[in-house]
Protein backbone atom coordinates (compact mmCIF):
# COMPACT_ATOMS: atom_id res chain seq x y z
CA MET A 1 -92.18 204.82 -75.57
CA ARG A 2 -90.11 206.30 -72.72
CA ARG A 3 -92.75 205.19 -70.23
CA PHE A 4 -92.76 201.66 -71.65
CA LEU A 5 -88.96 201.50 -71.49
CA ASP A 6 -88.93 202.75 -67.88
CA ASP A 7 -91.52 200.16 -66.86
CA LEU A 8 -89.83 197.34 -68.79
CA ARG A 9 -86.29 197.58 -67.41
CA PRO A 10 -87.12 196.35 -63.87
CA VAL A 11 -89.09 193.37 -65.24
CA VAL A 12 -86.66 191.74 -67.71
CA PRO A 13 -82.84 191.70 -68.12
CA LEU A 14 -83.00 194.19 -71.00
CA VAL A 15 -80.05 194.50 -73.38
CA ALA A 16 -81.60 196.49 -76.24
CA LEU A 17 -84.94 197.80 -77.49
CA TRP A 18 -85.58 198.61 -81.15
CA ALA A 19 -88.57 199.68 -83.24
CA HIS A 20 -89.12 198.48 -86.80
CA GLY A 21 -91.89 198.65 -89.38
CA SER A 22 -93.84 201.85 -90.06
CA LEU A 23 -92.49 203.73 -87.04
CA ALA A 24 -88.88 203.24 -88.15
CA ARG A 25 -89.52 203.65 -91.89
CA GLY A 26 -91.38 206.97 -91.80
CA ASP A 27 -94.86 205.68 -92.61
CA TYR A 28 -96.36 205.58 -89.11
CA GLN A 29 -100.06 206.52 -88.86
CA PRO A 30 -101.14 207.27 -85.24
CA GLY A 31 -104.08 205.16 -84.20
CA ARG A 32 -103.85 202.98 -87.32
CA SER A 33 -100.28 201.62 -87.39
CA ASP A 34 -98.88 199.17 -84.86
CA LEU A 35 -95.91 199.99 -82.66
CA ASP A 36 -93.61 197.10 -83.62
CA LEU A 37 -90.80 196.54 -81.11
CA ILE A 38 -88.02 194.01 -80.57
CA ALA A 39 -86.40 193.61 -77.15
CA VAL A 40 -83.17 191.70 -76.63
CA VAL A 41 -82.83 190.19 -73.15
CA GLU A 42 -79.72 188.76 -71.54
CA THR A 43 -81.21 185.34 -70.71
CA PRO A 44 -84.38 183.42 -71.61
CA LEU A 45 -87.34 184.67 -69.61
CA THR A 46 -88.40 182.68 -66.56
CA GLY A 47 -92.00 181.92 -65.76
CA GLU A 48 -91.99 184.66 -63.15
CA GLN A 49 -90.60 187.19 -65.65
CA LYS A 50 -93.24 186.21 -68.22
CA ASP A 51 -95.96 186.76 -65.64
CA GLY A 52 -94.50 190.15 -64.80
CA LEU A 53 -94.28 191.02 -68.48
CA GLU A 54 -97.91 190.14 -69.03
CA ARG A 55 -98.95 192.30 -66.08
CA LEU A 56 -96.86 195.19 -67.40
CA HIS A 57 -98.48 195.10 -70.83
CA GLN A 58 -101.98 194.74 -69.43
CA ALA A 59 -101.46 197.69 -67.09
CA LEU A 60 -99.90 199.99 -69.70
CA ASP A 61 -102.64 202.61 -69.71
CA LEU A 62 -101.29 205.03 -72.32
CA PRO A 63 -102.53 206.36 -75.68
CA LEU A 64 -101.90 203.83 -78.47
CA SER A 65 -100.76 201.12 -76.02
CA GLU A 66 -103.25 198.66 -77.53
CA HIS A 67 -101.20 198.88 -80.75
CA LEU A 68 -97.90 198.04 -79.03
CA HIS A 69 -96.38 194.69 -80.07
CA CYS A 70 -93.06 193.46 -78.72
CA SER A 71 -91.03 190.26 -79.10
CA TYR A 72 -88.41 189.31 -76.52
CA LEU A 73 -85.28 187.55 -77.85
CA ALA A 74 -82.67 186.02 -75.57
CA ARG A 75 -79.14 187.04 -76.56
CA ASP A 76 -77.99 183.45 -77.15
CA GLU A 77 -80.98 182.73 -79.44
CA LEU A 78 -80.54 185.67 -81.82
CA SER A 79 -79.11 183.56 -84.63
CA GLU A 80 -81.95 180.98 -84.62
CA LEU A 81 -84.32 182.05 -87.41
CA ALA A 82 -86.96 179.45 -86.63
CA ALA A 83 -86.93 179.84 -82.84
CA ASP A 84 -90.10 180.96 -81.08
CA HIS A 85 -89.81 184.02 -78.86
CA VAL A 86 -92.08 185.42 -76.16
CA THR A 87 -94.27 188.04 -77.82
CA TRP A 88 -96.93 190.49 -76.71
CA ALA A 89 -99.35 191.27 -79.55
CA MET A 90 -103.10 191.64 -79.98
CA GLU A 91 -103.32 192.09 -76.21
CA GLU A 92 -102.01 188.63 -75.29
CA LEU A 93 -98.71 186.89 -74.54
CA PHE A 94 -97.66 183.98 -76.76
CA GLU A 95 -94.62 182.72 -78.68
CA ARG A 96 -93.70 183.10 -82.35
CA PRO A 97 -90.55 183.49 -84.50
CA VAL A 98 -89.06 186.84 -85.46
CA THR A 99 -89.07 186.52 -89.23
CA ALA A 100 -86.33 187.08 -91.76
CA VAL A 101 -88.25 190.11 -93.04
CA THR A 102 -88.31 191.72 -89.59
CA ARG A 103 -84.62 190.97 -89.10
CA ARG A 104 -83.73 192.57 -92.44
CA GLU A 105 -85.85 195.62 -91.54
CA LEU A 106 -83.97 195.94 -88.26
CA HIS A 107 -80.63 196.00 -90.07
CA GLU A 108 -81.85 198.58 -92.58
CA ASP A 109 -84.08 200.99 -90.64
CA ALA A 110 -84.28 200.26 -86.92
CA LEU A 111 -85.20 203.01 -84.51
CA GLU A 112 -82.80 202.43 -81.61
CA LEU A 113 -84.56 203.11 -78.31
CA TYR A 114 -82.11 201.52 -75.85
CA GLY A 115 -78.81 199.65 -75.91
CA PRO A 116 -76.58 198.66 -78.83
CA PRO A 117 -77.82 198.86 -82.45
CA PRO A 118 -79.02 195.73 -84.27
CA ALA A 119 -75.77 195.42 -86.23
CA ASP A 120 -73.91 194.84 -82.96
CA LEU A 121 -76.14 192.00 -81.76
CA LEU A 122 -78.30 190.55 -84.52
CA PRO A 123 -76.74 188.32 -87.19
CA PRO A 124 -77.49 189.61 -90.71
CA VAL A 125 -80.05 187.83 -92.90
CA SER A 126 -78.65 186.60 -96.22
CA ASP A 127 -80.48 187.29 -99.47
CA GLN A 128 -81.15 183.57 -99.81
CA GLU A 129 -82.61 183.31 -96.30
CA LEU A 130 -84.86 186.29 -97.02
CA THR A 131 -85.99 184.87 -100.36
CA ASP A 132 -86.66 181.42 -98.90
CA PHE A 133 -88.78 182.89 -96.11
CA ILE A 134 -90.85 185.12 -98.39
CA ARG A 135 -91.57 182.34 -100.87
CA ALA A 136 -92.54 179.94 -98.10
CA ASP A 137 -94.77 182.57 -96.47
CA LEU A 138 -96.60 183.22 -99.74
CA ARG A 139 -96.94 179.53 -100.54
CA GLU A 140 -97.66 178.01 -97.14
CA PHE A 141 -99.61 180.81 -95.46
CA TRP A 142 -101.15 183.37 -97.80
CA LEU A 143 -102.03 181.05 -100.68
CA VAL A 144 -103.59 178.60 -98.23
CA LYS A 145 -105.62 181.39 -96.60
CA THR A 146 -107.20 182.27 -99.95
CA ARG A 147 -109.05 178.95 -99.89
CA ASP A 148 -111.48 180.34 -97.30
CA ARG A 149 -113.73 182.95 -98.87
CA ARG A 150 -115.25 184.24 -95.63
CA ARG A 151 -112.07 185.64 -94.06
CA TRP A 152 -111.71 188.08 -96.98
CA LEU A 153 -114.83 189.92 -95.83
CA ARG A 154 -112.69 191.38 -93.01
CA ASP A 155 -110.69 194.59 -93.41
CA VAL A 156 -107.55 193.24 -91.77
CA TRP A 157 -107.16 190.34 -94.20
CA VAL A 158 -107.70 192.49 -97.28
CA ASP A 159 -105.32 195.19 -96.06
CA LEU A 160 -102.51 192.94 -94.86
CA GLY A 161 -102.84 190.37 -97.64
CA LEU A 162 -102.54 192.78 -100.55
CA VAL A 163 -99.82 194.90 -98.96
CA THR A 164 -97.79 191.80 -98.05
CA VAL A 165 -97.94 190.45 -101.60
CA ALA A 166 -96.87 193.78 -103.08
CA ARG A 167 -93.93 194.08 -100.69
CA ALA A 168 -92.93 190.45 -101.27
CA THR A 169 -93.02 190.93 -105.05
CA VAL A 170 -90.64 193.90 -104.89
CA THR A 171 -88.22 192.19 -102.48
CA LEU A 172 -88.07 189.02 -104.56
CA ARG A 173 -87.70 191.01 -107.79
CA ASP A 174 -85.36 193.82 -106.74
CA GLY A 175 -84.04 192.89 -103.30
CA ARG A 176 -85.56 196.06 -101.80
CA MET A 177 -87.72 196.45 -98.70
CA ILE A 178 -90.56 198.94 -99.21
CA THR A 179 -93.06 200.69 -96.95
CA LYS A 180 -96.79 200.08 -96.91
CA ARG A 181 -97.32 203.43 -98.63
CA GLU A 182 -95.01 202.35 -101.46
CA ALA A 183 -96.75 198.97 -101.59
CA LEU A 184 -100.08 200.62 -102.42
CA ASP A 185 -98.52 202.24 -105.49
CA VAL A 186 -96.95 198.89 -106.45
CA LEU A 187 -100.36 197.19 -106.21
CA VAL A 188 -101.69 199.49 -108.91
CA GLN A 189 -98.71 198.60 -111.13
CA LEU A 190 -99.35 194.89 -110.51
CA GLY A 191 -102.94 195.19 -111.71
CA ALA A 192 -104.74 195.04 -108.38
CA PRO A 193 -108.38 196.20 -108.54
CA PRO A 194 -108.20 200.02 -108.24
CA ARG A 195 -111.23 200.30 -105.93
CA VAL A 196 -109.77 197.72 -103.55
CA VAL A 197 -106.46 199.61 -103.43
CA ALA A 198 -108.36 202.87 -102.87
CA ASP A 199 -110.30 201.19 -100.05
CA ILE A 200 -107.09 200.11 -98.31
CA ARG A 201 -105.50 203.53 -98.79
CA ALA A 202 -108.58 205.25 -97.36
CA ARG A 203 -108.52 203.11 -94.23
CA ARG A 204 -104.80 203.60 -93.64
CA TYR A 205 -104.63 207.33 -94.34
CA GLY A 206 -108.08 208.52 -93.29
CA LEU A 207 -109.36 209.29 -96.80
CA PRO A 208 -112.90 208.99 -98.20
CA HIS A 209 -113.84 205.40 -99.00
CA PRO A 210 -114.82 204.43 -102.55
CA PRO A 211 -118.24 202.82 -103.09
CA LEU A 212 -117.51 199.11 -102.72
CA SER A 213 -119.42 196.40 -100.90
CA ARG A 214 -117.56 194.01 -98.58
CA PHE A 215 -118.68 191.06 -100.70
CA ARG A 216 -117.46 192.55 -103.96
CA ARG A 217 -114.22 193.62 -102.30
CA ALA A 218 -113.65 190.11 -100.89
CA LYS A 219 -114.15 188.53 -104.31
CA LEU A 220 -111.81 190.97 -106.06
CA ALA A 221 -109.11 190.82 -103.37
CA ARG A 222 -109.11 187.04 -103.15
CA ALA A 223 -108.96 186.56 -106.92
CA PHE A 224 -106.11 189.03 -107.28
CA LEU A 225 -104.13 187.43 -104.46
CA ARG A 226 -104.44 183.92 -105.83
CA THR A 227 -103.35 185.04 -109.28
CA ARG A 228 -100.51 187.27 -108.05
CA ILE A 229 -99.08 184.73 -105.61
CA ASN A 230 -99.06 181.98 -108.22
CA GLN A 231 -97.36 184.29 -110.71
CA THR A 232 -94.73 185.21 -108.14
CA LEU A 233 -94.07 181.60 -107.20
CA ARG A 234 -94.12 180.22 -110.73
CA THR A 235 -90.57 178.92 -111.00
CA PRO A 236 -89.31 175.43 -111.92
CA GLY A 237 -89.59 173.02 -109.04
CA ASP A 238 -92.17 174.95 -107.01
CA ALA A 239 -94.61 172.05 -107.14
CA GLN A 240 -96.22 172.87 -103.79
CA ALA A 241 -97.66 176.11 -105.14
CA GLU A 242 -99.08 174.31 -108.16
CA ARG A 243 -100.87 171.79 -105.91
CA LEU A 244 -102.46 174.65 -103.91
CA ARG A 245 -103.83 176.51 -106.95
């Protein structure tokens, strides 16, 4: 992280650098977890700075560097929830928003690597903004993705889908943000298939895998997700979720 910070400062007008997610919340698994970072920059990045940023990330030849993800937010765009920001993730540069969930995580558990803390720069996310984002994400992204059976044969969709739904359920119900480790325990309480949960836990924490074929796992995971998401969204007026069932 020190090497990344040293290389980054000459390339962009850096104001602050923070880590969130597993690294900040005490659930980081080396080689399995991502390094989730947020950089605040003084001004929007120019084309030349974006090119330099891409070269920096591509040349970062360090252990775990392939897991490093970082979004770059201009100081004057910090309050815009829907704004797209330059992001390096999955070994490419593109643009995407920094979600209400990430922003709430930064206010609760950021690891401050450089510059002022999030509370000094980043506007807080209201409970309503957080709730609206989570419900929309479940309804417009995850529920839609369950229509395609084939994607659920892949580890990443099973792992992220079930963990996301468990974390969303707790936040909507109790207002709390939980770790992925806690989410696995919540999945059991929510009635997720035990062998699927054990499969996810084994992959994340290096444990023995239960006997479970990819095809059976896909069927169980997809069915649970569709049921759980619809139960979570079942409130008066949520007609969009009903149409997607």
